């Protein structure tokens, strides 16, 4: 018997040989450069069907027992619970139950010119070859991602982007269709280091396991397990693991207008970016989890109110901007208004009537990043909005002032740890 929480969700797997054939095709042929393909098998199967096929071929009874997510991520996982892998597997199975691992586009079979390997044939080779759950690769002379393998127990169905270094690294997003202005984020990061990026929303989250090191407002910060993280909109920051096993965390990003609409209060501001608060951390994590796994709009709005009330005591009124800082705020507004254009240092310096290099020094002293870093952060935040509304990645690249889709894919993945196409699929699926 093996266990899971995928229910009757279908898994569109393919073998490594199928992926290798696709890679060889892409490398050998012209016309694939810069393209991103999401690959999957032709026919999906459920874990119950997998058990039946295993039983048929082995001549021994094999059964699949479906569990709830809560029952599937517990103490039975032993050492895996400590690094967050248990919960990640549970989340993955729940995602599979809702169609997260099924794809019927037949992109892979079209690319290789033949049907993908059926489940029955894959099982015959389990002892000498691993079954891959398919995901992405970028069409360039690279090796296809090989992060997910089948064990004799069950499938690791956590979708890891090709660009992640460590197979444990995972980033997942969700938007709430009935509550616009909210982005939910759940990740386990071991070795990946996020480049400077920003969110035009308040970021509130909890460190569930491990610890994160990040730079914010020009200062290095450490957020340990059971701490609460609160970030203001449009403030650039980085992120990397501070422990060998990485860190697992949940975040919610709330746009300022929505926060004001829900609370009736304006000028929200967090003066502290992190604080050790086990009780509040647990409450925030539980409420974010509830928002992720609840589809009822009324319940979602109730949970959102509870969440805001939980972190509201940490907020203050926004500080008054000093007179000398107004000129650089004008530059930031200019970047927001003109991010789709090719901007020069001279052009930005003219906004505040300074010489180019003097302006750049003063700008970095004020914002702790260069003008180019802020521009890229703004462009990629805008890209997320365009992707959320279903705009094709190539058009998003053009709309945000980037060179092409390949440029968008590289920059987006460096900042968010996930490709634009994968992000779009996650946030528009439901």
Protein backbone atom coordinates (compact mmCIF):
# COMPACT_ATOMS: atom_id res chain seq x y z
CA UNK A 1 0.00 0.00 0.00
CA UNK A 2 1.09 3.55 -0.58
CA UNK A 3 -0.49 6.78 0.55
CA UNK A 4 -1.15 10.26 -0.78
CA UNK A 5 -3.65 13.11 -0.91
CA UNK A 6 -4.14 13.49 -4.66
CA UNK A 7 -7.62 11.96 -4.77
CA UNK A 8 -8.68 11.39 -8.37
CA UNK A 9 -6.41 14.12 -9.70
CA UNK A 10 -4.66 13.06 -12.89
CA UNK A 11 -0.89 13.18 -13.30
CA UNK A 12 0.43 13.62 -16.84
CA UNK A 13 3.86 12.01 -16.52
CA UNK A 14 6.46 11.10 -19.10
CA UNK A 15 9.75 9.23 -19.00
CA UNK A 16 13.24 10.63 -19.05
CA UNK A 17 13.65 9.11 -22.49
CA UNK A 18 10.72 11.20 -23.72
CA UNK A 19 12.30 14.35 -22.32
CA UNK A 20 15.70 13.43 -23.72
CA UNK A 21 14.15 13.05 -27.16
CA UNK A 22 12.62 16.51 -26.82
CA UNK A 23 15.93 18.01 -25.75
CA UNK A 24 17.74 16.42 -28.67
CA UNK A 25 15.12 17.76 -31.06
CA UNK A 26 15.38 21.27 -29.70
CA UNK A 27 19.17 21.28 -29.81
CA UNK A 28 19.34 19.88 -33.34
CA UNK A 29 16.66 22.02 -34.97
CA UNK A 30 16.36 25.72 -35.69
CA UNK A 31 13.49 27.85 -34.52
CA UNK A 32 13.33 26.90 -30.84
CA UNK A 33 15.63 29.53 -29.32
CA UNK A 34 13.96 31.67 -26.68
CA UNK A 35 10.84 29.51 -26.49
CA UNK A 36 9.53 27.92 -23.31
CA UNK A 37 7.74 24.59 -23.49
CA UNK A 38 5.72 22.98 -20.74
CA UNK A 39 5.92 19.25 -21.30
CA UNK A 40 3.68 16.44 -20.11
CA UNK A 41 2.61 12.95 -21.07
CA UNK A 42 -0.28 12.28 -23.43
CA UNK A 43 -2.42 10.40 -20.94
CA UNK A 44 -2.89 11.28 -17.30
CA UNK A 45 -3.37 8.73 -14.56
CA UNK A 46 -4.52 8.76 -10.95
CA UNK A 47 -2.66 7.25 -8.03
CA UNK A 48 -5.39 4.62 -7.82
CA UNK A 49 -4.72 3.68 -11.44
CA UNK A 50 -1.01 3.57 -10.68
CA UNK A 51 -1.66 1.16 -7.83
CA UNK A 52 -3.79 -1.03 -10.10
CA UNK A 53 -1.08 -1.19 -12.75
CA UNK A 54 1.59 -1.98 -10.16
CA UNK A 55 -0.60 -4.77 -8.82
CA UNK A 56 -1.18 -6.15 -12.31
CA UNK A 57 2.48 -6.26 -13.24
CA UNK A 58 3.79 -7.50 -9.92
CA UNK A 59 1.12 -10.10 -9.31
CA UNK A 60 0.81 -8.82 -5.77
CA UNK A 61 -1.95 -6.64 -4.29
CA UNK A 62 -1.05 -2.95 -4.29
CA UNK A 63 -3.54 -0.42 -2.99
CA UNK A 64 -3.64 3.34 -2.75
CA UNK A 65 -5.03 5.01 0.35
CA UNK A 66 -6.12 8.63 -0.08
CA UNK A 67 -5.71 10.88 2.95
CA UNK A 68 -6.56 14.47 3.77
CA UNK A 69 -3.73 16.98 3.52
CA UNK A 70 -3.66 17.28 7.31
CA UNK A 71 -3.31 13.52 7.72
CA UNK A 72 -0.74 13.27 4.95
CA UNK A 73 1.85 15.71 6.35
CA UNK A 74 2.48 14.59 9.87
CA UNK A 75 4.85 12.87 12.18
CA UNK A 76 4.99 9.72 10.01
CA UNK A 77 7.40 11.59 7.74
CA UNK A 78 10.08 11.72 10.44
CA UNK A 79 13.10 13.71 9.32
CA UNK A 80 11.27 15.10 6.29
CA UNK A 81 9.00 17.17 8.50
CA UNK A 82 11.92 19.14 9.85
CA UNK A 83 12.90 20.49 6.45
CA UNK A 84 9.32 21.16 5.41
CA UNK A 85 9.27 18.47 2.75
CA UNK A 86 6.33 16.66 4.32
CA UNK A 87 4.06 19.66 4.07
CA UNK A 88 5.31 20.43 0.58
CA UNK A 89 4.44 16.91 -0.57
CA UNK A 90 1.02 17.25 0.98
CA UNK A 91 0.48 20.59 -0.76
CA UNK A 92 1.61 19.01 -4.02
CA UNK A 93 -0.85 16.16 -3.73
CA UNK A 94 -3.68 18.56 -2.98
CA UNK A 95 -2.63 20.58 -6.00
CA UNK A 96 -2.70 17.40 -8.10
CA UNK A 97 -6.22 16.66 -6.87
CA UNK A 98 -7.29 19.99 -8.38
CA UNK A 99 -5.60 19.49 -11.74
CA UNK A 100 -2.22 21.00 -11.01
CA UNK A 101 -0.27 18.09 -12.56
CA UNK A 102 -2.47 17.46 -15.57
CA UNK A 103 -1.86 18.87 -19.02
CA UNK A 104 -3.53 17.69 -22.22
CA UNK A 105 -1.80 20.03 -24.66
CA UNK A 106 0.25 17.14 -26.18
CA UNK A 107 3.16 19.54 -26.60
CA UNK A 108 5.72 16.85 -25.77
CA UNK A 109 4.42 14.24 -28.23
CA UNK A 110 4.10 16.90 -30.94
CA UNK A 111 7.69 17.95 -30.32
CA UNK A 112 9.16 14.43 -30.45
CA UNK A 113 6.88 13.21 -33.26
CA UNK A 114 5.50 10.18 -31.43
CA UNK A 115 3.21 9.34 -28.50
CA UNK A 116 4.76 9.58 -25.06
CA UNK A 117 5.56 6.39 -23.15
CA UNK A 118 2.43 4.87 -21.56
CA UNK A 119 2.26 4.28 -17.82
CA UNK A 120 2.41 0.50 -18.19
CA UNK A 121 5.70 0.63 -20.08
CA UNK A 122 7.12 3.13 -17.60
CA UNK A 123 6.39 0.84 -14.68
CA UNK A 124 8.26 -2.00 -16.36
CA UNK A 125 11.41 0.07 -16.19
CA UNK A 126 11.05 1.40 -12.64
CA UNK A 127 13.91 -0.68 -11.38
CA UNK A 128 16.37 0.88 -13.81
CA UNK A 129 14.84 4.18 -14.75
CA UNK A 130 12.85 6.84 -12.97
CA UNK A 131 9.53 8.21 -14.07
CA UNK A 132 9.55 11.97 -14.53
CA UNK A 133 6.68 14.29 -13.74
CA UNK A 134 6.95 16.80 -16.40
CA UNK A 135 7.44 20.35 -16.31
CA UNK A 136 9.43 22.89 -18.09
CA UNK A 137 12.53 23.40 -19.96
CA UNK A 138 13.76 26.45 -21.80
CA UNK A 139 14.46 25.77 -25.45
CA UNK A 140 18.14 26.50 -25.58
CA UNK A 141 21.25 24.26 -25.60
CA UNK A 142 20.69 23.13 -22.01
CA UNK A 143 19.91 19.90 -20.28
CA UNK A 144 16.26 19.31 -19.39
CA UNK A 145 15.39 19.61 -15.74
CA UNK A 146 15.67 16.29 -13.94
CA UNK A 147 14.50 17.13 -10.46
CA UNK A 148 11.64 14.74 -9.81
CA UNK A 149 11.90 11.01 -9.65
CA UNK A 150 9.68 8.12 -8.81
CA UNK A 151 10.54 6.03 -5.77
CA UNK A 152 9.15 2.63 -4.88
CA UNK A 153 6.84 4.35 -2.39
CA UNK A 154 5.20 7.24 -4.23
CA UNK A 155 5.75 10.10 -6.61
CA UNK A 156 7.41 13.32 -5.65
CA UNK A 157 5.02 15.59 -7.49
CA UNK A 158 6.40 18.93 -6.39
CA UNK A 159 6.86 21.04 -9.50
CA UNK A 160 10.36 22.53 -9.31
CA UNK A 161 11.26 25.10 -11.97
CA UNK A 162 14.17 24.15 -14.20
CA UNK A 163 16.24 27.08 -13.03
CA UNK A 164 16.26 26.10 -9.34
CA UNK A 165 19.58 24.69 -8.19
CA UNK A 166 18.31 22.42 -5.43
CA UNK A 167 15.52 19.89 -6.02
CA UNK A 168 13.94 20.92 -2.72
CA UNK A 169 13.45 24.50 -3.89
CA UNK A 170 9.84 25.26 -4.73
CA UNK A 171 7.74 28.40 -5.18
CA UNK A 172 3.97 28.42 -5.63
CA UNK A 173 1.52 31.29 -6.12
CA UNK A 174 -2.23 31.65 -5.95
CA UNK A 175 -4.62 34.52 -6.66
CA UNK A 176 -8.19 34.68 -5.37
CA UNK A 177 -10.62 35.34 -8.21
CA UNK A 178 -13.25 36.83 -5.92
CA UNK A 179 -10.81 38.92 -3.89
CA UNK A 180 -8.63 40.91 -6.32
CA UNK A 181 -5.61 42.62 -4.82
CA UNK A 182 -4.36 39.49 -3.01
CA UNK A 183 -1.45 37.25 -3.91
CA UNK A 184 -0.65 34.16 -1.85
CA UNK A 185 2.82 32.62 -1.87
CA UNK A 186 4.22 29.42 -0.36
CA UNK A 187 7.83 28.37 -0.81
CA UNK A 188 10.64 26.21 0.44
CA UNK A 189 14.02 27.58 -0.58
CA UNK A 190 17.28 25.83 0.16
CA UNK A 191 20.00 27.22 -2.08
CA UNK A 192 18.31 29.75 -4.33
CA UNK A 193 19.21 33.44 -3.80
CA UNK A 194 16.63 35.99 -4.91
CA UNK A 195 17.96 39.06 -6.66
CA UNK A 196 16.70 42.54 -5.66
CA UNK A 197 12.98 42.78 -6.37
CA UNK A 198 9.93 44.66 -5.16
CA UNK A 199 6.20 44.28 -4.62
CA UNK A 200 3.71 47.09 -5.03
CA UNK A 201 1.85 45.64 -2.10
CA UNK A 202 2.25 45.06 1.62
CA UNK A 203 4.01 41.76 2.23
CA UNK A 204 3.14 39.90 5.43
CA UNK A 205 4.40 36.45 6.16
CA UNK A 206 5.74 33.86 8.53
CA UNK A 207 8.88 31.75 8.62
CA UNK A 208 7.65 28.21 9.26
CA UNK A 209 11.00 26.42 9.36
CA UNK A 210 14.65 27.42 8.98
CA UNK A 211 15.74 31.03 8.64
CA UNK A 212 15.99 33.66 5.91
CA UNK A 213 18.70 36.28 5.40
CA UNK A 214 17.78 39.30 3.31
CA UNK A 215 18.76 42.89 2.58
CA UNK A 216 16.07 45.54 3.08
CA UNK A 217 16.43 49.33 3.33
CA UNK A 218 20.18 48.93 2.95
CA UNK A 219 20.52 46.67 6.00
CA UNK A 220 20.98 42.92 6.40
CA UNK A 221 18.21 41.18 8.35
CA UNK A 222 17.72 37.69 9.71
CA UNK A 223 14.27 36.15 10.05
CA UNK A 224 14.38 32.93 12.09
CA UNK A 225 11.74 30.24 12.45
CA UNK A 226 8.48 31.46 14.06
CA UNK A 227 9.15 35.07 13.13
CA UNK A 228 6.83 37.49 11.33
CA UNK A 229 7.98 39.44 8.27
CA UNK A 230 6.28 42.72 7.29
CA UNK A 231 7.33 44.71 4.23
CA UNK A 232 5.99 47.96 2.83
CA UNK A 233 5.10 48.39 -0.85
CA UNK A 234 7.74 49.29 -3.39
CA UNK A 235 10.72 48.57 -1.13
CA UNK A 236 13.40 46.52 -2.81
CA UNK A 237 14.79 43.47 -1.03
CA UNK A 238 16.70 40.24 -1.58
CA UNK A 239 16.37 36.78 0.00
CA UNK A 240 18.51 33.72 0.71
CA UNK A 241 18.73 30.88 3.17
CA UNK A 242 20.52 31.40 6.47
CA UNK A 243 20.50 27.69 7.35
CA UNK A 244 21.81 24.58 5.66
CA UNK A 245 18.34 23.12 5.23
CA UNK A 246 16.85 26.32 3.79
CA UNK A 247 13.68 28.00 4.95
CA UNK A 248 9.98 27.41 4.39
CA UNK A 249 7.62 30.36 4.52
CA UNK A 250 4.18 31.67 3.60
CA UNK A 251 3.45 35.21 2.43
CA UNK A 252 0.40 37.24 1.53
CA UNK A 253 0.72 40.36 -0.61
CA UNK A 254 -2.09 42.86 -0.13
CA UNK A 255 -2.43 45.90 -2.35
CA UNK A 256 -2.73 49.18 -0.41
CA UNK A 257 -6.15 50.06 -1.88
CA UNK A 258 -7.59 46.72 -0.75
CA UNK A 259 -6.10 47.11 2.73
CA UNK A 260 -7.72 50.53 3.01
CA UNK A 261 -11.03 49.25 1.64
CA UNK A 262 -11.21 46.38 4.14
CA UNK A 263 -10.14 48.37 7.19
CA UNK A 264 -11.23 51.92 6.41
CA UNK A 265 -7.74 53.04 7.47
CA UNK A 266 -5.12 54.82 5.35
CA UNK A 267 -1.36 55.34 5.55
CA UNK A 268 -0.33 51.87 6.69
CA UNK A 269 3.35 51.51 7.49
CA UNK A 270 5.61 48.88 9.06
CA UNK A 271 8.70 50.30 10.75
CA UNK A 272 10.10 46.86 11.65
CA UNK A 273 10.64 44.30 8.94
CA UNK A 274 10.95 41.22 11.15
CA UNK A 275 10.22 40.23 14.72
CA UNK A 276 10.29 36.93 16.64
CA UNK A 277 6.68 36.27 17.60
CA UNK A 278 5.80 32.52 17.73
CA UNK A 279 2.12 32.95 18.54
CA UNK A 280 1.39 35.60 15.91
CA UNK A 281 3.56 33.76 13.39
CA UNK A 282 1.51 30.60 13.85
CA UNK A 283 -1.76 32.55 13.53
CA UNK A 284 -0.66 34.29 10.33
CA UNK A 285 0.56 31.03 8.80
CA UNK A 286 -2.71 29.27 9.63
CA UNK A 287 -4.81 32.09 8.12
CA UNK A 288 -2.74 32.25 4.92
CA UNK A 289 -3.08 28.47 4.64
CA UNK A 290 -6.83 28.83 5.08
CA UNK A 291 -7.06 31.46 2.33
CA UNK A 292 -5.11 29.18 -0.02
CA UNK A 293 -7.32 26.17 0.53
CA UNK A 294 -10.73 27.85 0.69
CA UNK A 295 -12.72 28.52 -2.48
CA UNK A 296 -15.78 30.06 -0.80
CA UNK A 297 -15.60 33.86 -1.44
CA UNK A 298 -17.41 34.68 1.80
CA UNK A 299 -15.02 32.51 3.80
CA UNK A 300 -12.05 34.08 2.00
CA UNK A 301 -13.13 37.59 2.96
CA UNK A 302 -13.68 36.53 6.55
CA UNK A 303 -10.23 34.97 6.72
CA UNK A 304 -8.72 38.10 5.16
CA UNK A 305 -10.26 40.27 7.87
CA UNK A 306 -8.97 37.92 10.58
CA UNK A 307 -5.51 38.00 8.99
CA UNK A 308 -5.43 41.80 8.86
CA UNK A 309 -6.54 42.06 12.48
CA UNK A 310 -3.72 39.68 13.41
CA UNK A 311 -0.93 41.82 11.95
CA UNK A 312 -2.56 45.25 12.41
CA UNK A 313 -0.94 45.82 15.86
CA UNK A 314 2.44 45.72 14.10
CA UNK A 315 1.59 48.63 11.77
CA UNK A 316 1.98 52.39 12.25
CA UNK A 317 1.10 55.51 10.32
CA UNK A 318 3.33 56.23 7.36
CA UNK A 319 6.15 58.66 8.21
CA UNK A 320 6.19 62.14 6.75
CA UNK A 321 8.64 62.35 3.87
CA UNK A 322 11.40 64.83 4.54
CA UNK A 323 11.61 67.78 2.17
CA UNK A 324 14.98 66.72 0.76
CA UNK A 325 13.66 63.31 -0.21
CA UNK A 326 10.87 64.56 -2.44
CA UNK A 327 13.12 64.89 -5.48
CA UNK A 328 13.98 61.19 -5.43
CA UNK A 329 10.32 60.28 -4.95
CA UNK A 330 9.74 62.16 -8.20
CA UNK A 331 12.29 59.88 -9.89
CA UNK A 332 10.56 56.79 -8.55
CA UNK A 333 7.24 58.07 -9.88
CA UNK A 334 8.92 58.73 -13.24
CA UNK A 335 10.18 55.12 -13.33
CA UNK A 336 6.67 53.85 -12.61
CA UNK A 337 5.22 56.02 -15.38
CA UNK A 338 7.87 55.15 -17.97
CA UNK A 339 8.98 51.58 -17.18
CA UNK A 340 7.93 50.41 -20.64
CA UNK A 341 10.49 52.69 -22.31
CA UNK A 342 14.25 52.49 -22.66
CA UNK A 343 15.51 54.95 -20.05
CA UNK A 344 18.96 56.51 -19.70
CA UNK A 345 20.85 57.79 -16.67
CA UNK A 346 20.92 61.28 -18.21
CA UNK A 347 17.14 61.25 -18.60
CA UNK A 348 16.58 60.25 -14.97
CA UNK A 349 19.11 62.77 -13.68
CA UNK A 350 17.32 65.54 -15.56
CA UNK A 351 14.16 64.84 -13.57
CA UNK A 352 15.89 66.22 -10.46
CA UNK A 353 18.37 68.53 -12.24
CA UNK A 354 21.52 66.70 -11.12
CA UNK A 355 24.57 65.49 -13.00
CA UNK A 356 24.21 61.82 -13.97
CA UNK A 357 26.80 60.26 -11.68
CA UNK A 358 26.02 62.52 -8.75
CA UNK A 359 22.37 61.59 -9.21
CA UNK A 360 23.16 57.87 -9.28
CA UNK A 361 25.17 58.09 -6.05
CA UNK A 362 22.45 60.05 -4.28
CA UNK A 363 19.72 57.76 -5.62
CA UNK A 364 21.45 54.66 -4.28
CA UNK A 365 22.09 56.35 -0.94
CA UNK A 366 18.37 57.08 -0.68
CA UNK A 367 16.87 53.81 -1.98
CA UNK A 368 19.82 51.43 -1.42
CA UNK A 369 19.63 50.22 -5.03
CA UNK A 370 20.71 51.62 -8.39
CA UNK A 371 18.18 53.22 -10.76
CA UNK A 372 18.49 50.20 -13.06
CA UNK A 373 17.74 47.74 -10.25
CA UNK A 374 14.62 49.68 -9.31
CA UNK A 375 13.52 49.89 -12.95
CA UNK A 376 13.87 46.11 -13.39
CA UNK A 377 11.99 45.49 -10.16
CA UNK A 378 9.12 47.69 -11.36
CA UNK A 379 9.09 46.05 -14.79
CA UNK A 380 8.87 42.57 -13.32
CA UNK A 381 6.13 43.52 -10.90
CA UNK A 382 4.17 44.89 -13.84
CA UNK A 383 4.92 41.67 -15.71
CA UNK A 384 3.22 39.69 -12.93
CA UNK A 385 0.07 41.79 -13.36
CA UNK A 386 0.03 41.28 -17.15
CA UNK A 387 0.60 37.54 -16.78
CA UNK A 388 -2.22 37.34 -14.23
CA UNK A 389 -4.61 38.80 -16.80
CA UNK A 390 -3.61 36.18 -19.38
CA UNK A 391 -1.29 38.20 -21.62
CA UNK A 392 1.14 35.93 -23.55
CA UNK A 393 4.70 36.05 -22.25
CA UNK A 394 6.09 37.48 -25.51
CA UNK A 395 3.63 40.37 -25.33
CA UNK A 396 4.42 40.90 -21.66
CA UNK A 397 8.09 41.27 -22.52
CA UNK A 398 7.29 43.97 -25.07
CA UNK A 399 4.84 45.75 -22.76
CA UNK A 400 7.36 45.99 -19.94
CA UNK A 401 10.29 47.29 -21.99
CA UNK A 402 12.28 44.04 -22.03
CA UNK A 403 14.18 42.83 -25.07
CA UNK A 404 12.19 39.65 -25.76
CA UNK A 405 10.52 36.67 -24.08
CA UNK A 406 13.88 35.09 -23.31
CA UNK A 407 14.95 38.24 -21.46
CA UNK A 408 11.69 38.20 -19.50
CA UNK A 409 12.10 34.53 -18.60
CA UNK A 410 15.67 34.99 -17.31
CA UNK A 411 14.93 38.14 -15.34
CA UNK A 412 11.59 36.94 -13.93
CA UNK A 413 13.06 33.63 -12.76
CA UNK A 414 16.07 35.27 -11.13
CA UNK A 415 13.76 37.47 -9.06
CA UNK A 416 10.89 35.14 -8.25
CA UNK A 417 12.35 31.66 -8.60
CA UNK A 418 9.74 30.59 -11.14
CA UNK A 419 9.35 31.08 -14.89
CA UNK A 420 6.67 33.48 -16.19
CA UNK A 421 4.74 30.67 -17.91
CA UNK A 422 4.62 28.55 -14.75
CA UNK A 423 3.62 31.60 -12.68
CA UNK A 424 0.82 32.41 -15.13
CA UNK A 425 -0.51 28.86 -14.99
CA UNK A 426 -0.52 28.85 -11.19
CA UNK A 427 -2.35 32.15 -10.72
CA UNK A 428 -4.93 31.73 -13.49
CA UNK A 429 -5.82 28.09 -12.93
CA UNK A 430 -8.67 28.84 -10.54
